[in-house]
PDB file of N, CA and C in Angstrom:
ATOM      1  N   MET A   1      35.083  18.900  31.037  1.00  0.00           N
ATOM      2  CA  MET A   1      33.973  18.038  30.685  1.00  0.00           C
ATOM      3  C   MET A   1      32.686  18.619  31.261  1.00  0.00           C
ATOM      4  N   LYS A   2      31.666  18.631  30.426  1.00  0.00           N
ATOM      5  CA  LYS A   2      30.316  18.976  30.862  1.00  0.00           C
ATOM      6  C   LYS A   2      29.496  17.705  30.763  1.00  0.00           C
ATOM      7  N   LEU A   3      28.749  17.402  31.813  1.00  0.00           N
ATOM      8  CA  LEU A   3      28.064  16.122  31.875  1.00  0.00           C
ATOM      9  C   LEU A   3      26.612  16.305  32.287  1.00  0.00           C
ATOM     10  N   LEU A   4      25.703  15.777  31.472  1.00  0.00           N
ATOM     11  CA  LEU A   4      24.277  15.768  31.776  1.00  0.00           C
ATOM     12  C   LEU A   4      23.910  14.375  32.261  1.00  0.00           C
ATOM     13  N   LEU A   5      23.405  14.291  33.483  1.00  0.00           N
ATOM     14  CA  LEU A   5      23.057  13.012  34.096  1.00  0.00           C
ATOM     15  C   LEU A   5      21.619  12.652  33.758  1.00  0.00           C
ATOM     16  N   ASP A   6      21.447  11.478  33.189  1.00  0.00           N
ATOM     17  CA  ASP A   6      20.119  10.968  32.857  1.00  0.00           C
ATOM     18  C   ASP A   6      19.289  10.889  34.136  1.00  0.00           C
ATOM     19  N   GLU A   7      17.971  10.761  33.980  1.00  0.00           N
ATOM     20  CA  GLU A   7      17.106  10.915  35.144  1.00  0.00           C
ATOM     21  C   GLU A   7      17.191   9.812  36.178  1.00  0.00           C
ATOM     22  N   MET A   8      17.911   8.737  35.919  1.00  0.00           N
ATOM     23  CA  MET A   8      18.075   7.711  36.954  1.00  0.00           C
ATOM     24  C   MET A   8      19.085   8.128  38.015  1.00  0.00           C
ATOM     25  N   TYR A   9      19.814   9.232  37.772  1.00  0.00           N
ATOM     26  CA  TYR A   9      20.845   9.684  38.710  1.00  0.00           C
ATOM     27  C   TYR A   9      20.359  10.874  39.534  1.00  0.00           C
ATOM     28  N   PRO A  10      20.668  10.870  40.821  1.00  0.00           N
ATOM     29  CA  PRO A  10      20.202  11.941  41.710  1.00  0.00           C
ATOM     30  C   PRO A  10      21.062  13.205  41.606  1.00  0.00           C
ATOM     31  N   ARG A  11      20.481  14.280  42.057  1.00  0.00           N
ATOM     32  CA  ARG A  11      21.213  15.548  42.096  1.00  0.00           C
ATOM     33  C   ARG A  11      22.474  15.436  42.955  1.00  0.00           C
ATOM     34  N   ALA A  12      22.440  14.587  43.973  1.00  0.00           N
ATOM     35  CA  ALA A  12      23.617  14.409  44.837  1.00  0.00           C
ATOM     36  C   ALA A  12      24.834  13.970  44.034  1.00  0.00           C
ATOM     37  N   LEU A  13      24.637  13.174  42.979  1.00  0.00           N
ATOM     38  CA  LEU A  13      25.762  12.777  42.128  1.00  0.00           C
ATOM     39  C   LEU A  13      26.276  13.982  41.353  1.00  0.00           C
ATOM     40  N   ALA A  14      25.381  14.786  40.813  1.00  0.00           N
ATOM     41  CA  ALA A  14      25.808  16.003  40.106  1.00  0.00           C
ATOM     42  C   ALA A  14      26.551  16.929  41.056  1.00  0.00           C
ATOM     43  N   ASP A  15      26.057  17.071  42.276  1.00  0.00           N
ATOM     44  CA  ASP A  15      26.734  17.913  43.274  1.00  0.00           C
ATOM     45  C   ASP A  15      28.135  17.392  43.569  1.00  0.00           C
ATOM     46  N   ALA A  16      28.264  16.074  43.717  1.00  0.00           N
ATOM     47  CA  ALA A  16      29.575  15.478  44.001  1.00  0.00           C
ATOM     48  C   ALA A  16      30.531  15.666  42.831  1.00  0.00           C
ATOM     49  N   LEU A  17      30.026  15.552  41.618  1.00  0.00           N
ATOM     50  CA  LEU A  17      30.875  15.775  40.443  1.00  0.00           C
ATOM     51  C   LEU A  17      31.298  17.239  40.333  1.00  0.00           C
ATOM     52  N   ARG A  18      30.377  18.139  40.618  1.00  0.00           N
ATOM     53  CA  ARG A  18      30.735  19.569  40.596  1.00  0.00           C
ATOM     54  C   ARG A  18      31.812  19.867  41.637  1.00  0.00           C
ATOM     55  N   ALA A  19      31.745  19.179  42.774  1.00  0.00           N
ATOM     56  CA  ALA A  19      32.719  19.399  43.852  1.00  0.00           C
ATOM     57  C   ALA A  19      34.141  19.016  43.438  1.00  0.00           C
ATOM     58  N   ILE A  20      34.261  18.128  42.446  1.00  0.00           N
ATOM     59  CA  ILE A  20      35.600  17.760  41.970  1.00  0.00           C
ATOM     60  C   ILE A  20      35.934  18.420  40.638  1.00  0.00           C
ATOM     61  N   GLY A  21      35.134  19.419  40.261  1.00  0.00           N
ATOM     62  CA  GLY A  21      35.452  20.218  39.083  1.00  0.00           C
ATOM     63  C   GLY A  21      34.854  19.747  37.774  1.00  0.00           C
ATOM     64  N   ILE A  22      33.893  18.837  37.825  1.00  0.00           N
ATOM     65  CA  ILE A  22      33.234  18.385  36.602  1.00  0.00           C
ATOM     66  C   ILE A  22      31.880  19.085  36.512  1.00  0.00           C
ATOM     67  N   ASP A  23      31.719  19.902  35.492  1.00  0.00           N
ATOM     68  CA  ASP A  23      30.490  20.667  35.263  1.00  0.00           C
ATOM     69  C   ASP A  23      29.364  19.673  34.976  1.00  0.00           C
ATOM     70  N   SER A  24      28.466  19.498  35.925  1.00  0.00           N
ATOM     71  CA  SER A  24      27.417  18.479  35.822  1.00  0.00           C
ATOM     72  C   SER A  24      26.062  19.040  36.187  1.00  0.00           C
ATOM     73  N   CYS A  25      25.031  18.484  35.553  1.00  0.00           N
ATOM     74  CA  CYS A  25      23.666  18.799  35.961  1.00  0.00           C
ATOM     75  C   CYS A  25      22.789  17.599  35.639  1.00  0.00           C
ATOM     76  N   THR A  26      21.641  17.562  36.266  1.00  0.00           N
ATOM     77  CA  THR A  26      20.705  16.462  36.049  1.00  0.00           C
ATOM     78  C   THR A  26      19.644  16.868  35.037  1.00  0.00           C
ATOM     79  N   VAL A  27      18.985  15.864  34.500  1.00  0.00           N
ATOM     80  CA  VAL A  27      17.865  16.087  33.600  1.00  0.00           C
ATOM     81  C   VAL A  27      16.804  16.941  34.295  1.00  0.00           C
ATOM     82  N   SER A  28      16.550  16.664  35.570  1.00  0.00           N
ATOM     83  CA  SER A  28      15.549  17.423  36.326  1.00  0.00           C
ATOM     84  C   SER A  28      15.929  18.892  36.447  1.00  0.00           C
ATOM     85  N   GLU A  29      17.217  19.168  36.674  1.00  0.00           N
ATOM     86  CA  GLU A  29      17.661  20.553  36.805  1.00  0.00           C
ATOM     87  C   GLU A  29      17.428  21.348  35.520  1.00  0.00           C
ATOM     88  N   LEU A  30      17.417  20.658  34.375  1.00  0.00           N
ATOM     89  CA  LEU A  30      17.165  21.333  33.099  1.00  0.00           C
ATOM     90  C   LEU A  30      15.688  21.292  32.705  1.00  0.00           C
ATOM     91  N   GLY A  31      14.846  20.725  33.574  1.00  0.00           N
ATOM     92  CA  GLY A  31      13.417  20.650  33.283  1.00  0.00           C
ATOM     93  C   GLY A  31      13.070  19.617  32.231  1.00  0.00           C
ATOM     94  N   LEU A  32      13.883  18.564  32.117  1.00  0.00           N
ATOM     95  CA  LEU A  32      13.670  17.555  31.086  1.00  0.00           C
ATOM     96  C   LEU A  32      13.146  16.226  31.628  1.00  0.00           C
ATOM     97  N   ALA A  33      12.782  16.172  32.896  1.00  0.00           N
ATOM     98  CA  ALA A  33      12.292  14.919  33.484  1.00  0.00           C
ATOM     99  C   ALA A  33      11.086  14.423  32.696  1.00  0.00           C
ATOM    100  N   GLY A  34      11.103  13.135  32.373  1.00  0.00           N
ATOM    101  CA  GLY A  34       9.994  12.529  31.650  1.00  0.00           C
ATOM    102  C   GLY A  34      10.058  12.696  30.146  1.00  0.00           C
ATOM    103  N   ARG A  35      11.017  13.427  29.650  1.00  0.00           N
ATOM    104  CA  ARG A  35      11.150  13.631  28.195  1.00  0.00           C
ATOM    105  C   ARG A  35      11.835  12.423  27.569  1.00  0.00           C
ATOM    106  N   SER A  36      11.746  12.309  26.274  1.00  0.00           N
ATOM    107  CA  SER A  36      12.327  11.165  25.569  1.00  0.00           C
ATOM    108  C   SER A  36      13.857  11.226  25.589  1.00  0.00           C
ATOM    109  N   ASP A  37      14.471  10.073  25.363  1.00  0.00           N
ATOM    110  CA  ASP A  37      15.927  10.023  25.297  1.00  0.00           C
ATOM    111  C   ASP A  37      16.449  10.878  24.138  1.00  0.00           C
ATOM    112  N   LEU A  38      15.717  10.921  23.053  1.00  0.00           N
ATOM    113  CA  LEU A  38      16.128  11.751  21.921  1.00  0.00           C
ATOM    114  C   LEU A  38      16.099  13.229  22.305  1.00  0.00           C
ATOM    115  N   ASP A  39      15.073  13.664  23.027  1.00  0.00           N
ATOM    116  CA  ASP A  39      15.011  15.054  23.504  1.00  0.00           C
ATOM    117  C   ASP A  39      16.199  15.361  24.414  1.00  0.00           C
ATOM    118  N   LEU A  40      16.495  14.438  25.311  1.00  0.00           N
ATOM    119  CA  LEU A  40      17.632  14.600  26.217  1.00  0.00           C
ATOM    120  C   LEU A  40      18.938  14.725  25.426  1.00  0.00           C
ATOM    121  N   PHE A  41      19.121  13.846  24.455  1.00  0.00           N
ATOM    122  CA  PHE A  41      20.330  13.840  23.624  1.00  0.00           C
ATOM    123  C   PHE A  41      20.464  15.155  22.852  1.00  0.00           C
ATOM    124  N   GLU A  42      19.369  15.608  22.256  1.00  0.00           N
ATOM    125  CA  GLU A  42      19.400  16.856  21.486  1.00  0.00           C
ATOM    126  C   GLU A  42      19.695  18.058  22.375  1.00  0.00           C
ATOM    127  N   THR A  43      19.140  18.086  23.577  1.00  0.00           N
ATOM    128  CA  THR A  43      19.429  19.167  24.519  1.00  0.00           C
ATOM    129  C   THR A  43      20.889  19.129  24.944  1.00  0.00           C
ATOM    130  N   ALA A  44      21.394  17.940  25.209  1.00  0.00           N
ATOM    131  CA  ALA A  44      22.806  17.794  25.589  1.00  0.00           C
ATOM    132  C   ALA A  44      23.708  18.343  24.482  1.00  0.00           C
ATOM    133  N   ILE A  45      23.405  18.016  23.256  1.00  0.00           N
ATOM    134  CA  ILE A  45      24.207  18.513  22.124  1.00  0.00           C
ATOM    135  C   ILE A  45      24.138  20.038  22.062  1.00  0.00           C
ATOM    136  N   ALA A  46      22.939  20.570  22.142  1.00  0.00           N
ATOM    137  CA  ALA A  46      22.756  22.023  22.032  1.00  0.00           C
ATOM    138  C   ALA A  46      23.497  22.779  23.128  1.00  0.00           C
ATOM    139  N   GLN A  47      23.618  22.172  24.314  1.00  0.00           N
ATOM    140  CA  GLN A  47      24.260  22.848  25.438  1.00  0.00           C
ATOM    141  C   GLN A  47      25.680  22.359  25.704  1.00  0.00           C
ATOM    142  N   GLY A  48      26.186  21.483  24.843  1.00  0.00           N
ATOM    143  CA  GLY A  48      27.568  21.035  24.957  1.00  0.00           C
ATOM    144  C   GLY A  48      27.849  20.018  26.041  1.00  0.00           C
ATOM    145  N   TYR A  49      26.833  19.266  26.446  1.00  0.00           N
ATOM    146  CA  TYR A  49      26.988  18.248  27.482  1.00  0.00           C
ATOM    147  C   TYR A  49      27.194  16.866  26.875  1.00  0.00           C
ATOM    148  N   ALA A  50      28.099  16.090  27.448  1.00  0.00           N
ATOM    149  CA  ALA A  50      28.105  14.647  27.240  1.00  0.00           C
ATOM    150  C   ALA A  50      27.008  14.102  28.151  1.00  0.00           C
ATOM    151  N   VAL A  51      26.494  12.936  27.833  1.00  0.00           N
ATOM    152  CA  VAL A  51      25.412  12.333  28.613  1.00  0.00           C
ATOM    153  C   VAL A  51      25.958  11.163  29.424  1.00  0.00           C
ATOM    154  N   LEU A  52      25.540  11.075  30.681  1.00  0.00           N
ATOM    155  CA  LEU A  52      25.804   9.906  31.517  1.00  0.00           C
ATOM    156  C   LEU A  52      24.497   9.156  31.665  1.00  0.00           C
ATOM    157  N   THR A  53      24.499   7.876  31.296  1.00  0.00           N
ATOM    158  CA  THR A  53      23.290   7.059  31.371  1.00  0.00           C
ATOM    159  C   THR A  53      23.662   5.606  31.591  1.00  0.00           C
ATOM    160  N   GLU A  54      22.680   4.803  31.955  1.00  0.00           N
ATOM    161  CA  GLU A  54      22.876   3.357  31.949  1.00  0.00           C
ATOM    162  C   GLU A  54      22.000   2.724  30.878  1.00  0.00           C
ATOM    163  N   ASN A  55      21.320   3.548  30.116  1.00  0.00           N
ATOM    164  CA  ASN A  55      20.393   3.110  29.078  1.00  0.00           C
ATOM    165  C   ASN A  55      21.149   2.865  27.769  1.00  0.00           C
ATOM    166  N   VAL A  56      21.863   1.764  27.718  1.00  0.00           N
ATOM    167  CA  VAL A  56      22.722   1.491  26.570  1.00  0.00           C
ATOM    168  C   VAL A  56      21.932   1.247  25.290  1.00  0.00           C
ATOM    169  N   SER A  57      20.831   0.549  25.350  1.00  0.00           N
ATOM    170  CA  SER A  57      20.123   0.200  24.118  1.00  0.00           C
ATOM    171  C   SER A  57      19.631   1.432  23.367  1.00  0.00           C
ATOM    172  N   ASP A  58      18.979   2.344  24.057  1.00  0.00           N
ATOM    173  CA  ASP A  58      18.466   3.542  23.384  1.00  0.00           C
ATOM    174  C   ASP A  58      19.587   4.466  22.931  1.00  0.00           C
ATOM    175  N   PHE A  59      20.549   4.732  23.812  1.00  0.00           N
ATOM    176  CA  PHE A  59      21.577   5.697  23.462  1.00  0.00           C
ATOM    177  C   PHE A  59      22.576   5.167  22.435  1.00  0.00           C
ATOM    178  N   ALA A  60      22.823   3.873  22.408  1.00  0.00           N
ATOM    179  CA  ALA A  60      23.694   3.315  21.368  1.00  0.00           C
ATOM    180  C   ALA A  60      23.059   3.531  19.998  1.00  0.00           C
ATOM    181  N   GLN A  61      21.765   3.318  19.911  1.00  0.00           N
ATOM    182  CA  GLN A  61      21.062   3.513  18.645  1.00  0.00           C
ATOM    183  C   GLN A  61      21.008   4.990  18.270  1.00  0.00           C
ATOM    184  N   ILE A  62      20.672   5.840  19.223  1.00  0.00           N
ATOM    185  CA  ILE A  62      20.590   7.281  18.951  1.00  0.00           C
ATOM    186  C   ILE A  62      21.951   7.807  18.483  1.00  0.00           C
ATOM    187  N   CYS A  63      23.018   7.416  19.164  1.00  0.00           N
ATOM    188  CA  CYS A  63      24.370   7.873  18.786  1.00  0.00           C
ATOM    189  C   CYS A  63      24.747   7.389  17.403  1.00  0.00           C
ATOM    190  N   ALA A  64      24.509   6.110  17.128  1.00  0.00           N
ATOM    191  CA  ALA A  64      24.862   5.544  15.823  1.00  0.00           C
ATOM    192  C   ALA A  64      24.118   6.255  14.696  1.00  0.00           C
ATOM    193  N   GLU A  65      22.828   6.477  14.875  1.00  0.00           N
ATOM    194  CA  GLU A  65      22.044   7.162  13.843  1.00  0.00           C
ATOM    195  C   GLU A  65      22.518   8.597  13.657  1.00  0.00           C
ATOM    196  N   HIS A  66      22.858   9.253  14.736  1.00  0.00           N
ATOM    197  CA  HIS A  66      23.306  10.647  14.689  1.00  0.00           C
ATOM    198  C   HIS A  66      24.622  10.772  13.915  1.00  0.00           C
ATOM    199  N   VAL A  67      25.572   9.922  14.237  1.00  0.00           N
ATOM    200  CA  VAL A  67      26.881   9.972  13.577  1.00  0.00           C
ATOM    201  C   VAL A  67      26.770   9.505  12.125  1.00  0.00           C
ATOM    202  N   THR A  68      25.972   8.482  11.874  1.00  0.00           N
ATOM    203  CA  THR A  68      25.779   7.990  10.506  1.00  0.00           C
ATOM    204  C   THR A  68      25.179   9.075   9.611  1.00  0.00           C
ATOM    205  N   ALA A  69      24.354   9.917  10.192  1.00  0.00           N
ATOM    206  CA  ALA A  69      23.744  11.020   9.440  1.00  0.00           C
ATOM    207  C   ALA A  69      24.718  12.178   9.225  1.00  0.00           C
ATOM    208  N   GLY A  70      25.940  12.041   9.736  1.00  0.00           N
ATOM    209  CA  GLY A  70      26.952  13.073   9.526  1.00  0.00           C
ATOM    210  C   GLY A  70      26.961  14.159  10.584  1.00  0.00           C
ATOM    211  N   HIS A  71      26.304  13.935  11.694  1.00  0.00           N
ATOM    212  CA  HIS A  71      26.251  14.919  12.775  1.00  0.00           C
ATOM    213  C   HIS A  71      27.247  14.556  13.870  1.00  0.00           C
ATOM    214  N   HIS A  72      27.456  15.488  14.770  1.00  0.00           N
ATOM    215  CA  HIS A  72      28.406  15.285  15.856  1.00  0.00           C
ATOM    216  C   HIS A  72      27.712  15.469  17.208  1.00  0.00           C
ATOM    217  N   HIS A  73      28.311  14.883  18.248  1.00  0.00           N
ATOM    218  CA  HIS A  73      27.786  15.033  19.604  1.00  0.00           C
ATOM    219  C   HIS A  73      28.954  15.043  20.587  1.00  0.00           C
ATOM    220  N   PRO A  74      28.734  15.586  21.794  1.00  0.00           N
ATOM    221  CA  PRO A  74      29.807  15.698  22.792  1.00  0.00           C
ATOM    222  C   PRO A  74      30.160  14.397  23.522  1.00  0.00           C
ATOM    223  N   GLY A  75      29.469  13.310  23.233  1.00  0.00           N
ATOM    224  CA  GLY A  75      29.799  12.027  23.831  1.00  0.00           C
ATOM    225  C   GLY A  75      28.701  11.493  24.737  1.00  0.00           C
ATOM    226  N   VAL A  76      28.754  10.186  24.943  1.00  0.00           N
ATOM    227  CA  VAL A  76      27.826   9.505  25.842  1.00  0.00           C
ATOM    228  C   VAL A  76      28.642   8.532  26.686  1.00  0.00           C
ATOM    229  N   LEU A  77      28.463   8.616  27.995  1.00  0.00           N
ATOM    230  CA  LEU A  77      29.096   7.689  28.930  1.00  0.00           C
ATOM    231  C   LEU A  77      28.045   6.702  29.399  1.00  0.00           C
ATOM    232  N   ILE A  78      28.357   5.417  29.284  1.00  0.00           N
ATOM    233  CA  ILE A  78      27.456   4.362  29.715  1.00  0.00           C
ATOM    234  C   ILE A  78      27.994   3.770  31.013  1.00  0.00           C
ATOM    235  N   ALA A  79      27.182   3.821  32.048  1.00  0.00           N
ATOM    236  CA  ALA A  79      27.529   3.218  33.341  1.00  0.00           C
ATOM    237  C   ALA A  79      26.580   2.042  33.548  1.00  0.00           C
ATOM    238  N   LEU A  80      26.997   0.876  33.089  1.00  0.00           N
ATOM    239  CA  LEU A  80      26.135  -0.301  33.186  1.00  0.00           C
ATOM    240  C   LEU A  80      25.749  -0.575  34.642  1.00  0.00           C
ATOM    241  N   SER A  81      24.481  -0.890  34.851  1.00  0.00           N
ATOM    242  CA  SER A  81      24.003  -1.135  36.211  1.00  0.00           C
ATOM    243  C   SER A  81      24.639  -2.383  36.823  1.00  0.00           C
ATOM    244  N   THR A  82      25.191  -3.267  35.995  1.00  0.00           N
ATOM    245  CA  THR A  82      25.886  -4.440  36.515  1.00  0.00           C
ATOM    246  C   THR A  82      27.275  -4.085  37.052  1.00  0.00           C
ATOM    247  N   ARG A  83      27.778  -2.900  36.690  1.00  0.00           N
ATOM    248  CA  ARG A  83      29.099  -2.451  37.144  1.00  0.00           C
ATOM    249  C   ARG A  83      29.022  -1.352  38.198  1.00  0.00           C
ATOM    250  N   PHE A  84      27.967  -0.542  38.127  1.00  0.00           N
ATOM    251  CA  PHE A  84      27.872   0.637  38.987  1.00  0.00           C
ATOM    252  C   PHE A  84      26.504   0.707  39.652  1.00  0.00           C
ATOM    253  N   SER A  85      26.511   0.828  40.952  1.00  0.00           N
ATOM    254  CA  SER A  85      25.275   0.968  41.710  1.00  0.00           C
ATOM    255  C   SER A  85      24.896   2.444  41.784  1.00  0.00           C
ATOM    256  N   ARG A  86      23.596   2.712  41.711  1.00  0.00           N
ATOM    257  CA  ARG A  86      23.112   4.090  41.878  1.00  0.00           C
ATOM    258  C   ARG A  86      22.915   4.435  43.342  1.00  0.00           C
ATOM    259  N   ARG A  87      23.071   3.490  44.216  1.00  0.00           N
ATOM    260  CA  ARG A  87      22.914   3.736  45.649  1.00  0.00           C
ATOM    261  C   ARG A  87      24.019   4.680  46.127  1.00  0.00           C
ATOM    262  N   PRO A  88      23.745   5.432  47.180  1.00  0.00           N
ATOM    263  CA  PRO A  88      24.774   6.343  47.709  1.00  0.00           C
ATOM    264  C   PRO A  88      26.099   5.639  47.999  1.00  0.00           C
ATOM    265  N   SER A  89      26.041   4.390  48.431  1.00  0.00           N
ATOM    266  CA  SER A  89      27.279   3.668  48.749  1.00  0.00           C
ATOM    267  C   SER A  89      28.113   3.361  47.508  1.00  0.00           C
ATOM    268  N   GLY A  90      27.506   3.376  46.335  1.00  0.00           N
ATOM    269  CA  GLY A  90      28.237   3.113  45.092  1.00  0.00           C
ATOM    270  C   GLY A  90      28.688   4.358  44.354  1.00  0.00           C
ATOM    271  N   ARG A  91      28.326   5.507  44.886  1.00  0.00           N
ATOM    272  CA  ARG A  91      28.601   6.772  44.194  1.00  0.00           C
ATOM    273  C   ARG A  91      30.097   6.997  43.951  1.00  0.00           C
ATOM    274  N   SER A  92      30.935   6.683  44.932  1.00  0.00           N
ATOM    275  CA  SER A  92      32.374   6.955  44.777  1.00  0.00           C
ATOM    276  C   SER A  92      32.981   6.133  43.644  1.00  0.00           C
ATOM    277  N   THR A  93      32.498   4.917  43.436  1.00  0.00           N
ATOM    278  CA  THR A  93      32.994   4.079  42.341  1.00  0.00           C
ATOM    279  C   THR A  93      32.675   4.713  40.996  1.00  0.00           C
ATOM    280  N   LEU A  94      31.480   5.228  40.857  1.00  0.00           N
ATOM    281  CA  LEU A  94      31.074   5.881  39.612  1.00  0.00           C
ATOM    282  C   LEU A  94      31.857   7.178  39.407  1.00  0.00           C
ATOM    283  N   ILE A  95      32.022   7.942  40.448  1.00  0.00           N
ATOM    284  CA  ILE A  95      32.788   9.192  40.347  1.00  0.00           C
ATOM    285  C   ILE A  95      34.229   8.903  39.940  1.00  0.00           C
ATOM    286  N   THR A  96      34.823   7.867  40.492  1.00  0.00           N
ATOM    287  CA  THR A  96      36.194   7.489  40.133  1.00  0.00           C
ATOM    288  C   THR A  96      36.281   7.147  38.644  1.00  0.00           C
ATOM    289  N   ALA A  97      35.308   6.408  38.132  1.00  0.00           N
ATOM    290  CA  ALA A  97      35.301   6.036  36.713  1.00  0.00           C
ATOM    291  C   ALA A  97      35.123   7.257  35.811  1.00  0.00           C
ATOM    292  N   ILE A  98      34.268   8.178  36.219  1.00  0.00           N
ATOM    293  CA  ILE A  98      34.061   9.402  35.433  1.00  0.00           C
ATOM    294  C   ILE A  98      35.320  10.256  35.464  1.00  0.00           C
ATOM    295  N   ARG A  99      35.908  10.398  36.628  1.00  0.00           N
ATOM    296  CA  ARG A  99      37.135  11.186  36.751  1.00  0.00           C
ATOM    297  C   ARG A  99      38.238  10.610  35.862  1.00  0.00           C
ATOM    298  N   ALA A 100      38.331   9.291  35.784  1.00  0.00           N
ATOM    299  CA  ALA A 100      39.372   8.636  34.996  1.00  0.00           C
ATOM    300  C   ALA A 100      39.283   8.968  33.513  1.00  0.00           C
ATOM    301  N   ILE A 101      38.092   9.257  33.033  1.00  0.00           N
ATOM    302  CA  ILE A 101      37.910   9.544  31.616  1.00  0.00           C
ATOM    303  C   ILE A 101      37.688  11.035  31.339  1.00  0.00           C
ATOM    304  N   SER A 102      37.616  11.835  32.380  1.00  0.00           N
ATOM    305  CA  SER A 102      37.219  13.241  32.234  1.00  0.00           C
ATOM    306  C   SER A 102      38.164  14.090  31.387  1.00  0.00           C
ATOM    307  N   SER A 103      39.401  13.706  31.253  1.00  0.00           N
ATOM    308  CA  SER A 103      40.334  14.506  30.443  1.00  0.00           C
ATOM    309  C   SER A 103      40.390  14.047  28.987  1.00  0.00           C
ATOM    310  N   GLU A 104      39.696  12.977  28.657  1.00  0.00           N
ATOM    311  CA  GLU A 104      39.689  12.476  27.288  1.00  0.00           C
ATOM    312  C   GLU A 104      38.710  13.258  26.419  1.00  0.00           C
ATOM    313  N   THR A 105      38.973  13.262  25.134  1.00  0.00           N
ATOM    314  CA  THR A 105      38.042  13.840  24.177  1.00  0.00           C
ATOM    315  C   THR A 105      36.952  12.811  23.918  1.00  0.00           C
ATOM    316  N   LEU A 106      35.729  13.203  24.157  1.00  0.00           N
ATOM    317  CA  LEU A 106      34.602  12.277  24.025  1.00  0.00           C
ATOM    318  C   LEU A 106      33.796  12.496  22.754  1.00  0.00           C
ATOM    319  N   ASP A 107      34.146  13.496  21.986  1.00  0.00           N
ATOM    320  CA  ASP A 107      33.361  13.846  20.796  1.00  0.00           C
ATOM    321  C   ASP A 107      33.027  12.622  19.951  1.00  0.00           C
ATOM    322  N   ASP A 108      31.738  12.451  19.685  1.00  0.00           N
ATOM    323  CA  ASP A 108      31.192  11.391  18.841  1.00  0.00           C
ATOM    324  C   ASP A 108      31.453   9.983  19.372  1.00  0.00           C
ATOM    325  N   ARG A 109      31.799   9.862  20.632  1.00  0.00           N
ATOM    326  CA  ARG A 109      32.091   8.548  21.215  1.00  0.00           C
ATOM    327  C   ARG A 109      30.988   8.093  22.158  1.00  0.00           C
ATOM    328  N   LEU A 110      30.798   6.796  22.207  1.00  0.00           N
ATOM    329  CA  LEU A 110      29.965   6.133  23.201  1.00  0.00           C
ATOM    330  C   LEU A 110      30.949   5.300  24.018  1.00  0.00           C
ATOM    331  N   VAL A 111      31.105   5.639  25.293  1.00  0.00           N
ATOM    332  CA  VAL A 111      32.146   5.039  26.126  1.00  0.00           C
ATOM    333  C   VAL A 111      31.500   4.280  27.282  1.00  0.00           C
ATOM    334  N   TYR A 112      31.896   3.035  27.437  1.00  0.00           N
ATOM    335  CA  TYR A 112      31.451   2.227  28.576  1.00  0.00           C
ATOM    336  C   TYR A 112      32.422   2.466  29.719  1.00  0.00           C
ATOM    337  N   LEU A 113      31.934   3.026  30.801  1.00  0.00           N
ATOM    338  CA  LEU A 113      32.788   3.286  31.951  1.00  0.00           C
ATOM    339  C   LEU A 113      33.260   1.965  32.571  1.00  0.00           C
ATOM    340  N   GLN A 114      34.478   1.996  33.070  1.00  0.00           N
ATOM    341  CA  GLN A 114      35.090   0.825  33.679  1.00  0.00           C
ATOM    342  C   GLN A 114      35.337   1.089  35.156  1.00  0.00           C
ATOM    343  N   ARG A 115      35.187   0.062  35.957  1.00  0.00           N
ATOM    344  CA  ARG A 115      35.538   0.173  37.372  1.00  0.00           C
ATOM    345  C   ARG A 115      37.046   0.170  37.494  1.00  0.00           C
ATOM    346  N   ALA A 116      37.546   0.893  38.473  1.00  0.00           N
ATOM    347  CA  ALA A 116      38.992   0.929  38.724  1.00  0.00           C
ATOM    348  C   ALA A 116      39.482  -0.466  39.096  1.00  0.00           C
ATOM    349  N   CYS A 117      40.695  -0.800  38.711  1.00  0.00           N
ATOM    350  CA  CYS A 117      41.251  -2.141  38.938  1.00  0.00           C
ATOM    351  C   CYS A 117      41.334  -2.510  40.410  1.00  0.00           C
ATOM    352  N   GLN A 118      41.618  -1.545  41.286  1.00  0.00           N
ATOM    353  CA  GLN A 118      41.784  -1.866  42.701  1.00  0.00           C
ATOM    354  C   GLN A 118      40.478  -2.094  43.427  1.00  0.00           C
ATOM    355  N   GLU A 119      39.335  -1.898  42.800  1.00  0.00           N
ATOM    356  CA  GLU A 119      38.051  -2.072  43.486  1.00  0.00           C
ATOM    357  C   GLU A 119      37.587  -3.503  43.436  1.00  0.00           C
TER     358      GLU A 119
END
């Protein structure tokens, strides 16, 4: 899995994901900070990244329009802010959810990450 983290996520999360074998980078690392969600999505597609975001409204629409037009994308993971904290103390919960789905095929999917049952 290759994962592009939307700009609400810190580099520390990308570093932690890389440490467990998930190829990750942030929007800032690609020089995309401040760019539109569509620009981010198009860059992710061009470079083979699925996107991690909590911005469900924009990305649900972008994904739907993209697939309806007959195009494909590597996937979008939605980490709702009501389920996952961006604070350092919540990082392990998010990493666990990403790891749980990391072996699945995400092509053309919009996936809402779930918290592990034992949490």
